[in-house]
Amino acid sequence: MSVPFLLIDGYNLLHAAGLSQARYAPGELRRQRHRLLVRLVNELTTEERVRCTVVFDAIEAPSGLDRSMRHAELLVRFAEPGHDADSLIEELIEAHSSPMQLLVVSSDHRIQKAARHRRADTIDSEVLLQRLSASARAAAAAKPAPPSSPKSSAKSGEDLAYWLGEFGEIDVAEIARSDDPDWSATAIDPWQQNLNDLQKHLDQDSDLDEWLNRPPKGKGW
C-alpha cells in the first residue's frame, strides 16, 4: 500500500497536541510551532515526511522568507497576510492532482467537508497524534537492550575484592595438584611427616643416630 500525501492543518494539530495558548509571549508561537514540526520529523516515517505539507496561518510567519519553506523533509506553507490557513488548505485540496491519495489531517469540519468533496480521506488531529505516539512506542520497544552499565561491572569488581579478602588468593595450580594421588600422599601435616621419618629410621638402626641429631624441619616439629 502506497504512503498517502499528508496535508496537515498546522494550528489545529498544535491545539490537539496541547501546544497552543490563549495568548503568546513574543516569539512563543514560533517556538511552539517549531516543537510541533520537530515532533512530526521525529515520528513520521521518511516516506511520510517527503509527502507531507503542513499549513499555518500568516501569524508570526518567518520574516523575509517565501510563504513556503522546508523543515527537514516537511514542506511548510503559510497563508498570505489577510488570509487564513483554512482557505489555503481548501485551495491545496482542490488543486491536488491525486486527491484519492490525499489524507487531510484536521478536526475542522469545514476542511473535512472540502476533502470529502474531492474524495480525499480525513482524520482528526487527535487521531494522528495517537498514531504517532503508538508508532514511537513500538519503535522504542523494538530497540535492542543497552549493554550492561559500568555500575554493574564496578559492582562485580567489588564482590570479587570482598571474597578475595575473605579467602585470600586462590592457587589454581595447588588445587590441580591436590587431585593427584601422589601429591596427596606427601602433602600432609609436618608432625605426621616427622613421625613417618622417625618410623623409617627406627626400622634402620644405622640411620637412627644421624636422624636424632639433625636439626628439625617444618613448623610443626
Protein backbone atom coordinates (compact mmCIF):
# COMPACT_ATOMS: atom_id res chain seq x y z
CA MET A 1 0.00 0.00 0.00
CA SER A 2 1.43 3.37 -1.04
CA VAL A 3 2.01 6.11 1.50
CA PRO A 4 -0.65 8.85 1.18
CA PHE A 5 0.06 12.51 0.75
CA LEU A 6 -0.41 14.23 4.11
CA LEU A 7 -1.97 17.68 4.28
CA ILE A 8 -1.94 18.89 7.89
CA ASP A 9 -3.85 21.76 9.44
CA GLY A 10 -0.89 23.05 11.47
CA TYR A 11 -2.62 25.14 14.14
CA ASN A 12 -5.37 22.57 14.58
CA LEU A 13 -2.72 19.94 15.25
CA LEU A 14 -0.87 22.37 17.52
CA HIS A 15 -4.02 22.73 19.62
CA ALA A 16 -4.60 18.96 19.75
CA ALA A 17 -1.01 18.44 20.92
CA GLY A 18 -1.55 20.84 23.83
CA LEU A 19 0.92 23.39 22.50
CA SER A 20 -1.47 26.23 21.78
CA GLN A 21 -2.16 29.08 24.19
CA ALA A 22 -4.82 31.75 24.55
CA ARG A 23 -2.07 34.38 24.45
CA TYR A 24 1.52 34.03 23.33
CA ALA A 25 4.51 35.91 24.65
CA PRO A 26 6.75 37.39 21.95
CA GLY A 27 8.28 34.55 19.96
CA GLU A 28 6.37 31.85 21.87
CA LEU A 29 4.12 30.91 18.95
CA ARG A 30 7.15 30.33 16.76
CA ARG A 31 8.72 28.14 19.44
CA GLN A 32 5.59 26.02 19.85
CA ARG A 33 5.24 25.72 16.09
CA HIS A 34 8.87 24.57 15.92
CA ARG A 35 8.23 21.96 18.63
CA LEU A 36 5.35 20.56 16.59
CA LEU A 37 7.44 20.33 13.44
CA VAL A 38 10.25 18.61 15.32
CA ARG A 39 7.80 16.02 16.61
CA LEU A 40 6.50 15.36 13.11
CA VAL A 41 10.02 14.94 11.79
CA ASN A 42 10.88 12.52 14.60
CA GLU A 43 7.71 10.41 14.47
CA LEU A 44 6.69 10.31 10.82
CA THR A 45 8.44 7.82 8.56
CA THR A 46 10.80 9.06 5.87
CA GLU A 47 8.19 8.32 3.18
CA GLU A 48 5.53 10.22 5.11
CA ARG A 49 7.78 13.23 5.67
CA VAL A 50 8.59 13.72 1.99
CA ARG A 51 4.88 13.57 1.13
CA CYS A 52 3.73 15.88 3.94
CA THR A 53 2.63 19.52 3.81
CA VAL A 54 1.89 21.46 7.00
CA VAL A 55 -0.15 24.66 6.66
CA PHE A 56 -0.13 27.55 9.17
CA ASP A 57 -1.80 30.95 9.33
CA ALA A 58 0.23 34.04 8.45
CA ILE A 59 0.63 34.97 12.13
CA GLU A 60 4.35 35.16 13.00
CA ALA A 61 5.39 33.64 9.70
CA PRO A 62 9.19 33.79 9.22
CA SER A 63 10.04 37.28 8.02
CA GLY A 64 11.97 37.76 4.79
CA LEU A 65 11.11 34.28 3.50
CA ASP A 66 8.74 32.93 0.91
CA ARG A 67 5.37 31.70 2.08
CA SER A 68 6.73 28.16 1.90
CA MET A 69 9.82 26.62 3.45
CA ARG A 70 11.34 23.25 4.30
CA HIS A 71 11.75 21.85 7.78
CA ALA A 72 13.84 18.73 7.17
CA GLU A 73 11.76 16.90 4.52
CA LEU A 74 8.49 18.57 5.55
CA LEU A 75 7.00 21.25 3.30
CA VAL A 76 5.67 24.11 5.46
CA ARG A 77 3.23 26.60 3.95
CA PHE A 78 1.99 29.90 5.39
CA ALA A 79 -1.20 31.66 4.36
CA GLU A 80 -0.87 35.04 2.73
CA PRO A 81 -1.36 38.06 5.01
CA GLY A 82 -5.07 38.70 5.44
CA HIS A 83 -5.96 35.08 4.65
CA ASP A 84 -6.34 32.13 6.98
CA ALA A 85 -4.86 28.66 6.78
CA ASP A 86 -8.28 27.07 6.12
CA SER A 87 -8.58 28.90 2.83
CA LEU A 88 -5.09 27.83 1.76
CA ILE A 89 -5.81 24.19 2.73
CA GLU A 90 -9.01 24.25 0.67
CA GLU A 91 -7.05 25.58 -2.31
CA LEU A 92 -4.43 22.85 -1.94
CA ILE A 93 -7.11 20.15 -1.73
CA GLU A 94 -8.84 21.49 -4.84
CA ALA A 95 -5.57 21.69 -6.80
CA HIS A 96 -4.20 18.27 -5.77
CA SER A 97 -3.58 16.01 -8.75
CA SER A 98 -4.34 12.77 -6.84
CA PRO A 99 -6.97 13.63 -4.21
CA MET A 100 -7.85 9.97 -3.64
CA GLN A 101 -4.27 9.50 -2.38
CA LEU A 102 -4.56 12.51 -0.09
CA LEU A 103 -5.05 12.28 3.69
CA VAL A 104 -6.17 15.57 5.24
CA VAL A 105 -5.42 15.95 8.97
CA SER A 106 -7.79 18.36 10.72
CA SER A 107 -10.68 18.34 13.17
CA ASP A 108 -12.17 21.34 11.41
CA HIS A 109 -15.50 20.38 9.80
CA ARG A 110 -15.06 22.96 7.06
CA ILE A 111 -11.80 21.37 5.94
CA GLN A 112 -13.16 17.83 6.26
CA LYS A 113 -16.08 18.78 4.01
CA ALA A 114 -13.70 20.19 1.37
CA ALA A 115 -11.69 16.96 1.49
CA ARG A 116 -14.74 14.72 1.12
CA HIS A 117 -15.84 16.81 -1.84
CA ARG A 118 -12.71 15.67 -3.67
CA ARG A 119 -12.95 12.13 -2.24
CA ALA A 120 -9.85 12.60 -0.11
CA ASP A 121 -9.54 10.82 3.25
CA THR A 122 -9.64 12.76 6.51
CA ILE A 123 -8.69 12.07 10.12
CA ASP A 124 -8.96 14.23 13.23
CA SER A 125 -5.74 15.76 14.54
CA GLU A 126 -6.11 13.76 17.78
CA VAL A 127 -6.15 10.52 15.80
CA LEU A 128 -2.89 11.38 14.04
CA LEU A 129 -1.24 12.16 17.36
CA GLN A 130 -2.40 8.83 18.79
CA ARG A 131 -0.95 7.01 15.78
CA LEU A 132 2.34 8.85 16.11
CA SER A 133 2.58 8.02 19.83
CA ALA A 134 1.81 4.33 19.19
CA SER A 135 4.44 4.15 16.43
CA ALA A 136 7.03 5.82 18.67
CA ARG A 137 6.36 3.33 21.48
CA ALA A 138 6.61 0.39 19.08
CA ALA A 139 9.91 1.68 17.70
CA ALA A 140 11.30 2.14 21.22
CA ALA A 141 10.25 -1.39 22.22
CA ALA A 142 11.95 -2.83 19.13
CA LYS A 143 15.33 -1.35 20.01
CA PRO A 144 17.90 -3.84 21.41
CA ALA A 145 18.60 -3.72 25.12
CA PRO A 146 21.57 -1.48 26.01
CA PRO A 147 24.80 -3.15 27.22
CA SER A 148 25.37 -3.55 30.92
CA SER A 149 26.29 -0.29 32.59
CA PRO A 150 29.71 0.43 34.13
CA LYS A 151 27.98 0.37 37.53
CA SER A 152 27.28 -3.35 37.11
CA SER A 153 30.92 -4.02 36.25
CA ALA A 154 32.05 -1.99 39.25
CA LYS A 155 29.72 -3.99 41.49
CA SER A 156 31.19 -7.25 40.20
CA GLY A 157 34.67 -5.94 40.94
CA GLU A 158 33.63 -5.04 44.48
CA ASP A 159 32.22 -8.53 45.03
CA LEU A 160 35.44 -10.12 43.79
CA ALA A 161 37.55 -7.96 46.09
CA TYR A 162 35.34 -8.91 49.06
CA TRP A 163 35.65 -12.66 48.54
CA LEU A 164 39.40 -12.45 47.91
CA GLY A 165 39.67 -10.59 51.21
CA GLU A 166 37.72 -13.34 52.94
CA PHE A 167 39.53 -16.35 51.48
CA GLY A 168 42.76 -14.96 50.03
CA GLU A 169 44.20 -15.62 46.62
CA ILE A 170 43.21 -18.93 45.09
CA ASP A 171 46.13 -21.08 43.91
CA VAL A 172 44.68 -22.90 40.92
CA ALA A 173 47.84 -24.97 40.42
CA GLU A 174 47.67 -26.18 44.01
CA ILE A 175 44.07 -27.25 43.54
CA ALA A 176 45.07 -29.20 40.47
CA ARG A 177 47.91 -30.92 42.35
CA SER A 178 45.56 -31.86 45.15
CA ASP A 179 43.72 -34.12 42.71
CA ASP A 180 46.95 -36.07 42.09
CA PRO A 181 47.16 -39.18 44.38
CA ASP A 182 50.97 -39.00 44.53
CA TRP A 183 50.88 -35.35 45.62
CA SER A 184 48.21 -36.05 48.25
CA ALA A 185 50.41 -38.68 49.85
CA THR A 186 53.15 -36.15 50.60
CA ALA A 187 51.07 -33.06 51.30
CA ILE A 188 50.43 -33.89 54.96
CA ASP A 189 50.90 -32.20 58.29
CA PRO A 190 54.60 -31.59 59.25
CA TRP A 191 54.11 -33.52 62.50
CA GLN A 192 52.92 -36.51 60.58
CA GLN A 193 55.83 -36.21 58.17
CA ASN A 194 58.36 -36.22 61.05
CA LEU A 195 56.65 -39.22 62.60
CA ASN A 196 56.86 -41.01 59.29
CA ASP A 197 60.58 -40.18 59.07
CA LEU A 198 61.15 -41.41 62.63
CA GLN A 199 59.44 -44.70 61.91
CA LYS A 200 61.54 -45.17 58.81
CA HIS A 201 64.81 -44.63 60.71
CA LEU A 202 63.71 -46.85 63.60
CA ASP A 203 63.45 -49.59 61.04
CA GLN A 204 67.07 -48.86 60.03
CA ASP A 205 69.31 -48.77 63.15
CA SER A 206 72.27 -47.39 61.29
CA ASP A 207 70.45 -44.16 60.45
CA LEU A 208 68.79 -43.57 63.82
CA ASP A 209 71.65 -41.59 65.44
CA GLU A 210 72.01 -39.38 62.39
CA TRP A 211 68.26 -38.66 62.29
CA LEU A 212 68.11 -37.79 66.05
CA ASN A 213 70.99 -35.30 65.75
CA ARG A 214 69.75 -33.44 62.65
CA PRO A 215 68.02 -30.04 63.05
CA PRO A 216 64.21 -30.07 63.00
CA LYS A 217 62.34 -29.19 59.80
CA GLY A 218 58.94 -27.65 59.35
CA LYS A 219 56.92 -25.54 61.76
CA GLY A 220 55.34 -28.48 63.46
CA TRP A 221 58.46 -30.15 64.88
